[in-house]
Amino acid sequence: MKVKENIAISESGYLFNPSTGESFIVNPLGMEVLQLVKKDKSFEEISREILSHYSVDTITFEKDYQDFIHQLRQYLLIGSDE
């Protein structure tokens, strides 16, 4: 998956999709995950990175990650590698 090229992302977590005119704000953890996605990191790499810095269990992280990725797809902020 990749963050779509036209998506503007500020360092403070503000996202803007010029195709739809919608804007979003992500929290610092969401921003960290989004930056790792932008770097083409795999789920396993992202999971290792987050779990090493935050006090969260693997099952909770996986569920929250999948929910976050689903929302990014739903709002047309990321696409597949195709």
PDB file of N, CA and C in Angstrom:
ATOM      1  N   MET A   1       0.835  -1.175   0.000  1.00  0.00           N
ATOM      2  CA  MET A   1       0.000   0.000   0.000  1.00  0.00           C
ATOM      3  C   MET A   1       0.881   1.240   0.000  1.00  0.00           C
ATOM      4  N   LYS A   2       0.363   2.280  -0.567  1.00  0.00           N
ATOM      5  CA  LYS A   2       1.114   3.534  -0.652  1.00  0.00           C
ATOM      6  C   LYS A   2       0.192   4.708  -0.354  1.00  0.00           C
ATOM      7  N   VAL A   3       0.772   5.732   0.255  1.00  0.00           N
ATOM      8  CA  VAL A   3       0.037   6.983   0.424  1.00  0.00           C
ATOM      9  C   VAL A   3      -0.073   7.601  -0.966  1.00  0.00           C
ATOM     10  N   LYS A   4      -1.268   8.000  -1.345  1.00  0.00           N
ATOM     11  CA  LYS A   4      -1.457   8.583  -2.677  1.00  0.00           C
ATOM     12  C   LYS A   4      -0.609   9.843  -2.825  1.00  0.00           C
ATOM     13  N   GLU A   5      -0.043  10.026  -4.005  1.00  0.00           N
ATOM     14  CA  GLU A   5       0.903  11.113  -4.258  1.00  0.00           C
ATOM     15  C   GLU A   5       0.318  12.501  -4.061  1.00  0.00           C
ATOM     16  N   ASN A   6      -0.954  12.667  -4.322  1.00  0.00           N
ATOM     17  CA  ASN A   6      -1.545  14.005  -4.230  1.00  0.00           C
ATOM     18  C   ASN A   6      -1.936  14.400  -2.808  1.00  0.00           C
ATOM     19  N   ILE A   7      -1.769  13.505  -1.843  1.00  0.00           N
ATOM     20  CA  ILE A   7      -2.154  13.778  -0.462  1.00  0.00           C
ATOM     21  C   ILE A   7      -1.106  14.660   0.200  1.00  0.00           C
ATOM     22  N   ALA A   8      -1.541  15.793   0.715  1.00  0.00           N
ATOM     23  CA  ALA A   8      -0.633  16.706   1.436  1.00  0.00           C
ATOM     24  C   ALA A   8      -0.644  16.309   2.909  1.00  0.00           C
ATOM     25  N   ILE A   9       0.556  16.165   3.476  1.00  0.00           N
ATOM     26  CA  ILE A   9       0.689  15.770   4.880  1.00  0.00           C
ATOM     27  C   ILE A   9       1.618  16.756   5.563  1.00  0.00           C
ATOM     28  N   SER A  10       1.099  17.416   6.603  1.00  0.00           N
ATOM     29  CA  SER A  10       1.955  18.336   7.356  1.00  0.00           C
ATOM     30  C   SER A  10       2.630  17.576   8.494  1.00  0.00           C
ATOM     31  N   GLU A  11       3.673  18.150   9.041  1.00  0.00           N
ATOM     32  CA  GLU A  11       4.384  17.533  10.159  1.00  0.00           C
ATOM     33  C   GLU A  11       3.516  17.446  11.407  1.00  0.00           C
ATOM     34  N   SER A  12       2.501  18.285  11.501  1.00  0.00           N
ATOM     35  CA  SER A  12       1.638  18.296  12.681  1.00  0.00           C
ATOM     36  C   SER A  12       0.484  17.292  12.590  1.00  0.00           C
ATOM     37  N   GLY A  13       0.382  16.548  11.463  1.00  0.00           N
ATOM     38  CA  GLY A  13      -0.645  15.531  11.339  1.00  0.00           C
ATOM     39  C   GLY A  13      -1.878  15.963  10.577  1.00  0.00           C
ATOM     40  N   TYR A  14      -1.801  17.064   9.870  1.00  0.00           N
ATOM     41  CA  TYR A  14      -2.911  17.544   9.058  1.00  0.00           C
ATOM     42  C   TYR A  14      -2.792  16.910   7.674  1.00  0.00           C
ATOM     43  N   LEU A  15      -3.848  16.243   7.212  1.00  0.00           N
ATOM     44  CA  LEU A  15      -3.868  15.603   5.896  1.00  0.00           C
ATOM     45  C   LEU A  15      -4.896  16.305   5.030  1.00  0.00           C
ATOM     46  N   PHE A  16      -4.563  16.500   3.769  1.00  0.00           N
ATOM     47  CA  PHE A  16      -5.494  17.127   2.837  1.00  0.00           C
ATOM     48  C   PHE A  16      -5.523  16.340   1.543  1.00  0.00           C
ATOM     49  N   ASN A  17      -6.724  15.993   1.106  1.00  0.00           N
ATOM     50  CA  ASN A  17      -6.918  15.296  -0.155  1.00  0.00           C
ATOM     51  C   ASN A  17      -7.506  16.287  -1.148  1.00  0.00           C
ATOM     52  N   PRO A  18      -6.692  16.804  -2.074  1.00  0.00           N
ATOM     53  CA  PRO A  18      -7.196  17.803  -3.020  1.00  0.00           C
ATOM     54  C   PRO A  18      -8.234  17.240  -3.995  1.00  0.00           C
ATOM     55  N   SER A  19      -8.247  15.932  -4.181  1.00  0.00           N
ATOM     56  CA  SER A  19      -9.224  15.323  -5.083  1.00  0.00           C
ATOM     57  C   SER A  19     -10.644  15.434  -4.544  1.00  0.00           C
ATOM     58  N   THR A  20     -10.770  15.352  -3.215  1.00  0.00           N
ATOM     59  CA  THR A  20     -12.098  15.396  -2.603  1.00  0.00           C
ATOM     60  C   THR A  20     -12.349  16.693  -1.838  1.00  0.00           C
ATOM     61  N   GLY A  21     -11.282  17.426  -1.546  1.00  0.00           N
ATOM     62  CA  GLY A  21     -11.407  18.648  -0.757  1.00  0.00           C
ATOM     63  C   GLY A  21     -11.494  18.386   0.741  1.00  0.00           C
ATOM     64  N   GLU A  22     -11.371  17.133   1.141  1.00  0.00           N
ATOM     65  CA  GLU A  22     -11.484  16.783   2.556  1.00  0.00           C
ATOM     66  C   GLU A  22     -10.136  16.923   3.263  1.00  0.00           C
ATOM     67  N   SER A  23     -10.223  17.270   4.539  1.00  0.00           N
ATOM     68  CA  SER A  23      -9.011  17.335   5.360  1.00  0.00           C
ATOM     69  C   SER A  23      -9.247  16.518   6.624  1.00  0.00           C
ATOM     70  N   PHE A  24      -8.149  16.039   7.191  1.00  0.00           N
ATOM     71  CA  PHE A  24      -8.191  15.165   8.350  1.00  0.00           C
ATOM     72  C   PHE A  24      -7.032  15.521   9.272  1.00  0.00           C
ATOM     73  N   ILE A  25      -7.175  15.155  10.528  1.00  0.00           N
ATOM     74  CA  ILE A  25      -6.095  15.321  11.490  1.00  0.00           C
ATOM     75  C   ILE A  25      -5.851  13.963  12.126  1.00  0.00           C
ATOM     76  N   VAL A  26      -4.593  13.537  12.165  1.00  0.00           N
ATOM     77  CA  VAL A  26      -4.243  12.288  12.840  1.00  0.00           C
ATOM     78  C   VAL A  26      -3.411  12.613  14.073  1.00  0.00           C
ATOM     79  N   ASN A  27      -3.538  11.772  15.090  1.00  0.00           N
ATOM     80  CA  ASN A  27      -2.768  11.987  16.315  1.00  0.00           C
ATOM     81  C   ASN A  27      -1.305  11.600  16.082  1.00  0.00           C
ATOM     82  N   PRO A  28      -0.424  11.876  17.038  1.00  0.00           N
ATOM     83  CA  PRO A  28       0.998  11.588  16.835  1.00  0.00           C
ATOM     84  C   PRO A  28       1.303  10.128  16.495  1.00  0.00           C
ATOM     85  N   LEU A  29       0.605   9.196  17.116  1.00  0.00           N
ATOM     86  CA  LEU A  29       0.847   7.785  16.792  1.00  0.00           C
ATOM     87  C   LEU A  29       0.391   7.480  15.372  1.00  0.00           C
ATOM     88  N   GLY A  30      -0.768   8.009  14.980  1.00  0.00           N
ATOM     89  CA  GLY A  30      -1.238   7.837  13.613  1.00  0.00           C
ATOM     90  C   GLY A  30      -0.266   8.438  12.615  1.00  0.00           C
ATOM     91  N   MET A  31       0.304   9.571  12.974  1.00  0.00           N
ATOM     92  CA  MET A  31       1.284  10.220  12.099  1.00  0.00           C
ATOM     93  C   MET A  31       2.534   9.356  11.958  1.00  0.00           C
ATOM     94  N   GLU A  32       2.955   8.745  13.059  1.00  0.00           N
ATOM     95  CA  GLU A  32       4.129   7.873  13.015  1.00  0.00           C
ATOM     96  C   GLU A  32       3.867   6.667  12.110  1.00  0.00           C
ATOM     97  N   VAL A  33       2.705   6.059  12.242  1.00  0.00           N
ATOM     98  CA  VAL A  33       2.345   4.929  11.386  1.00  0.00           C
ATOM     99  C   VAL A  33       2.279   5.380   9.928  1.00  0.00           C
ATOM    100  N   LEU A  34       1.676   6.517   9.675  1.00  0.00           N
ATOM    101  CA  LEU A  34       1.556   7.038   8.316  1.00  0.00           C
ATOM    102  C   LEU A  34       2.927   7.283   7.693  1.00  0.00           C
ATOM    103  N   GLN A  35       3.858   7.810   8.466  1.00  0.00           N
ATOM    104  CA  GLN A  35       5.215   8.046   7.954  1.00  0.00           C
ATOM    105  C   GLN A  35       5.903   6.725   7.609  1.00  0.00           C
ATOM    106  N   LEU A  36       5.674   5.698   8.416  1.00  0.00           N
ATOM    107  CA  LEU A  36       6.249   4.384   8.125  1.00  0.00           C
ATOM    108  C   LEU A  36       5.629   3.784   6.866  1.00  0.00           C
ATOM    109  N   VAL A  37       4.334   3.986   6.678  1.00  0.00           N
ATOM    110  CA  VAL A  37       3.663   3.532   5.456  1.00  0.00           C
ATOM    111  C   VAL A  37       4.262   4.260   4.255  1.00  0.00           C
ATOM    112  N   LYS A  38       4.487   5.569   4.389  1.00  0.00           N
ATOM    113  CA  LYS A  38       5.085   6.351   3.296  1.00  0.00           C
ATOM    114  C   LYS A  38       6.461   5.834   2.915  1.00  0.00           C
ATOM    115  N   LYS A  39       7.176   5.262   3.888  1.00  0.00           N
ATOM    116  CA  LYS A  39       8.515   4.719   3.639  1.00  0.00           C
ATOM    117  C   LYS A  39       8.453   3.287   3.124  1.00  0.00           C
ATOM    118  N   ASP A  40       7.256   2.842   2.743  1.00  0.00           N
ATOM    119  CA  ASP A  40       7.034   1.495   2.198  1.00  0.00           C
ATOM    120  C   ASP A  40       7.424   0.384   3.166  1.00  0.00           C
ATOM    121  N   LYS A  41       7.263   0.633   4.460  1.00  0.00           N
ATOM    122  CA  LYS A  41       7.550  -0.396   5.460  1.00  0.00           C
ATOM    123  C   LYS A  41       6.425  -1.431   5.451  1.00  0.00           C
ATOM    124  N   SER A  42       6.778  -2.669   5.695  1.00  0.00           N
ATOM    125  CA  SER A  42       5.784  -3.739   5.767  1.00  0.00           C
ATOM    126  C   SER A  42       5.059  -3.671   7.107  1.00  0.00           C
ATOM    127  N   PHE A  43       3.951  -4.415   7.198  1.00  0.00           N
ATOM    128  CA  PHE A  43       3.231  -4.458   8.469  1.00  0.00           C
ATOM    129  C   PHE A  43       4.151  -4.947   9.581  1.00  0.00           C
ATOM    130  N   GLU A  44       4.952  -5.953   9.294  1.00  0.00           N
ATOM    131  CA  GLU A  44       5.855  -6.504  10.309  1.00  0.00           C
ATOM    132  C   GLU A  44       6.860  -5.447  10.784  1.00  0.00           C
ATOM    133  N   GLU A  45       7.402  -4.671   9.865  1.00  0.00           N
ATOM    134  CA  GLU A  45       8.350  -3.617  10.231  1.00  0.00           C
ATOM    135  C   GLU A  45       7.665  -2.524  11.052  1.00  0.00           C
ATOM    136  N   ILE A  46       6.481  -2.148  10.632  1.00  0.00           N
ATOM    137  CA  ILE A  46       5.723  -1.120  11.362  1.00  0.00           C
ATOM    138  C   ILE A  46       5.385  -1.629  12.758  1.00  0.00           C
ATOM    139  N   SER A  47       4.934  -2.858  12.833  1.00  0.00           N
ATOM    140  CA  SER A  47       4.582  -3.449  14.113  1.00  0.00           C
ATOM    141  C   SER A  47       5.774  -3.463  15.064  1.00  0.00           C
ATOM    142  N   ARG A  48       6.925  -3.919  14.585  1.00  0.00           N
ATOM    143  CA  ARG A  48       8.139  -3.939  15.419  1.00  0.00           C
ATOM    144  C   ARG A  48       8.482  -2.546  15.924  1.00  0.00           C
ATOM    145  N   GLU A  49       8.425  -1.570  15.041  1.00  0.00           N
ATOM    146  CA  GLU A  49       8.776  -0.189  15.395  1.00  0.00           C
ATOM    147  C   GLU A  49       7.831   0.358  16.472  1.00  0.00           C
ATOM    148  N   ILE A  50       6.550   0.205  16.272  1.00  0.00           N
ATOM    149  CA  ILE A  50       5.570   0.742  17.223  1.00  0.00           C
ATOM    150  C   ILE A  50       5.635  -0.005  18.553  1.00  0.00           C
ATOM    151  N   LEU A  51       5.687  -1.333  18.494  1.00  0.00           N
ATOM    152  CA  LEU A  51       5.714  -2.120  19.730  1.00  0.00           C
ATOM    153  C   LEU A  51       6.977  -1.870  20.551  1.00  0.00           C
ATOM    154  N   SER A  52       8.057  -1.459  19.890  1.00  0.00           N
ATOM    155  CA  SER A  52       9.291  -1.180  20.634  1.00  0.00           C
ATOM    156  C   SER A  52       9.251   0.187  21.327  1.00  0.00           C
ATOM    157  N   HIS A  53       8.347   1.061  20.891  1.00  0.00           N
ATOM    158  CA  HIS A  53       8.285   2.407  21.462  1.00  0.00           C
ATOM    159  C   HIS A  53       7.064   2.675  22.342  1.00  0.00           C
ATOM    160  N   TYR A  54       6.059   1.819  22.252  1.00  0.00           N
ATOM    161  CA  TYR A  54       4.828   2.052  22.987  1.00  0.00           C
ATOM    162  C   TYR A  54       4.441   0.822  23.798  1.00  0.00           C
ATOM    163  N   SER A  55       3.753   1.068  24.879  1.00  0.00           N
ATOM    164  CA  SER A  55       3.294  -0.008  25.757  1.00  0.00           C
ATOM    165  C   SER A  55       1.929  -0.493  25.273  1.00  0.00           C
ATOM    166  N   VAL A  56       1.946  -1.379  24.299  1.00  0.00           N
ATOM    167  CA  VAL A  56       0.720  -1.933  23.724  1.00  0.00           C
ATOM    168  C   VAL A  56       1.001  -3.384  23.352  1.00  0.00           C
ATOM    169  N   ASP A  57      -0.008  -4.224  23.512  1.00  0.00           N
ATOM    170  CA  ASP A  57       0.195  -5.627  23.153  1.00  0.00           C
ATOM    171  C   ASP A  57      -0.013  -5.814  21.647  1.00  0.00           C
ATOM    172  N   THR A  58       0.494  -6.900  21.140  1.00  0.00           N
ATOM    173  CA  THR A  58       0.472  -7.172  19.705  1.00  0.00           C
ATOM    174  C   THR A  58      -0.942  -7.235  19.144  1.00  0.00           C
ATOM    175  N   ILE A  59      -1.843  -7.886  19.851  1.00  0.00           N
ATOM    176  CA  ILE A  59      -3.220  -8.044  19.359  1.00  0.00           C
ATOM    177  C   ILE A  59      -3.913  -6.688  19.259  1.00  0.00           C
ATOM    178  N   THR A  60      -3.751  -5.854  20.277  1.00  0.00           N
ATOM    179  CA  THR A  60      -4.366  -4.522  20.250  1.00  0.00           C
ATOM    180  C   THR A  60      -3.781  -3.683  19.124  1.00  0.00           C
ATOM    181  N   PHE A  61      -2.456  -3.731  18.973  1.00  0.00           N
ATOM    182  CA  PHE A  61      -1.841  -2.959  17.893  1.00  0.00           C
ATOM    183  C   PHE A  61      -2.347  -3.418  16.536  1.00  0.00           C
ATOM    184  N   GLU A  62      -2.400  -4.733  16.317  1.00  0.00           N
ATOM    185  CA  GLU A  62      -2.837  -5.237  15.008  1.00  0.00           C
ATOM    186  C   GLU A  62      -4.263  -4.787  14.697  1.00  0.00           C
ATOM    187  N   LYS A  63      -5.163  -4.867  15.670  1.00  0.00           N
ATOM    188  CA  LYS A  63      -6.546  -4.427  15.460  1.00  0.00           C
ATOM    189  C   LYS A  63      -6.597  -2.933  15.153  1.00  0.00           C
ATOM    190  N   ASP A  64      -5.897  -2.123  15.968  1.00  0.00           N
ATOM    191  CA  ASP A  64      -5.906  -0.677  15.761  1.00  0.00           C
ATOM    192  C   ASP A  64      -5.266  -0.303  14.421  1.00  0.00           C
ATOM    193  N   TYR A  65      -4.196  -0.989  14.048  1.00  0.00           N
ATOM    194  CA  TYR A  65      -3.529  -0.743  12.775  1.00  0.00           C
ATOM    195  C   TYR A  65      -4.492  -1.030  11.615  1.00  0.00           C
ATOM    196  N   GLN A  66      -5.156  -2.188  11.665  1.00  0.00           N
ATOM    197  CA  GLN A  66      -6.086  -2.544  10.595  1.00  0.00           C
ATOM    198  C   GLN A  66      -7.233  -1.546  10.503  1.00  0.00           C
ATOM    199  N   ASP A  67      -7.747  -1.101  11.643  1.00  0.00           N
ATOM    200  CA  ASP A  67      -8.809  -0.088  11.650  1.00  0.00           C
ATOM    201  C   ASP A  67      -8.321   1.220  11.014  1.00  0.00           C
ATOM    202  N   PHE A  68      -7.103   1.636  11.373  1.00  0.00           N
ATOM    203  CA  PHE A  68      -6.528   2.879  10.845  1.00  0.00           C
ATOM    204  C   PHE A  68      -6.337   2.784   9.332  1.00  0.00           C
ATOM    205  N   ILE A  69      -5.772   1.667   8.872  1.00  0.00           N
ATOM    206  CA  ILE A  69      -5.543   1.477   7.439  1.00  0.00           C
ATOM    207  C   ILE A  69      -6.883   1.450   6.698  1.00  0.00           C
ATOM    208  N   HIS A  70      -7.880   0.809   7.273  1.00  0.00           N
ATOM    209  CA  HIS A  70      -9.211   0.784   6.658  1.00  0.00           C
ATOM    210  C   HIS A  70      -9.755   2.208   6.493  1.00  0.00           C
ATOM    211  N   GLN A  71      -9.593   3.042   7.524  1.00  0.00           N
ATOM    212  CA  GLN A  71     -10.067   4.426   7.432  1.00  0.00           C
ATOM    213  C   GLN A  71      -9.294   5.200   6.375  1.00  0.00           C
ATOM    214  N   LEU A  72      -7.983   5.002   6.288  1.00  0.00           N
ATOM    215  CA  LEU A  72      -7.195   5.686   5.259  1.00  0.00           C
ATOM    216  C   LEU A  72      -7.668   5.300   3.864  1.00  0.00           C
ATOM    217  N   ARG A  73      -7.970   4.024   3.682  1.00  0.00           N
ATOM    218  CA  ARG A  73      -8.486   3.566   2.378  1.00  0.00           C
ATOM    219  C   ARG A  73      -9.876   4.136   2.119  1.00  0.00           C
ATOM    220  N   GLN A  74     -10.718   4.117   3.140  1.00  0.00           N
ATOM    221  CA  GLN A  74     -12.092   4.602   2.995  1.00  0.00           C
ATOM    222  C   GLN A  74     -12.115   6.067   2.552  1.00  0.00           C
ATOM    223  N   TYR A  75     -11.180   6.862   3.058  1.00  0.00           N
ATOM    224  CA  TYR A  75     -11.130   8.281   2.710  1.00  0.00           C
ATOM    225  C   TYR A  75     -10.186   8.579   1.550  1.00  0.00           C
ATOM    226  N   LEU A  76      -9.805   7.503   0.834  1.00  0.00           N
ATOM    227  CA  LEU A  76      -9.006   7.606  -0.396  1.00  0.00           C
ATOM    228  C   LEU A  76      -7.651   8.269  -0.167  1.00  0.00           C
ATOM    229  N   LEU A  77      -7.051   8.002   0.981  1.00  0.00           N
ATOM    230  CA  LEU A  77      -5.740   8.575   1.303  1.00  0.00           C
ATOM    231  C   LEU A  77      -4.596   7.627   0.965  1.00  0.00           C
ATOM    232  N   ILE A  78      -4.890   6.342   0.895  1.00  0.00           N
ATOM    233  CA  ILE A  78      -3.885   5.356   0.491  1.00  0.00           C
ATOM    234  C   ILE A  78      -4.495   4.445  -0.564  1.00  0.00           C
ATOM    235  N   GLY A  79      -3.623   3.837  -1.318  1.00  0.00           N
ATOM    236  CA  GLY A  79      -4.046   2.879  -2.319  1.00  0.00           C
ATOM    237  C   GLY A  79      -3.175   1.653  -2.220  1.00  0.00           C
ATOM    238  N   SER A  80      -3.427   0.702  -3.060  1.00  0.00           N
ATOM    239  CA  SER A  80      -2.616  -0.515  -3.070  1.00  0.00           C
ATOM    240  C   SER A  80      -1.347  -0.256  -3.868  1.00  0.00           C
ATOM    241  N   ASP A  81      -0.472  -1.251  -3.886  1.00  0.00           N
ATOM    242  CA  ASP A  81       0.788  -1.140  -4.627  1.00  0.00           C
ATOM    243  C   ASP A  81       0.601  -1.287  -6.121  1.00  0.00           C
ATOM    244  N   GLU A  82      -0.576  -1.656  -6.543  1.00  0.00           N
ATOM    245  CA  GLU A  82      -0.836  -1.922  -7.959  1.00  0.00           C
ATOM    246  C   GLU A  82      -0.638  -0.718  -8.827  1.00  0.00           C
TER     247      GLU A  82
END
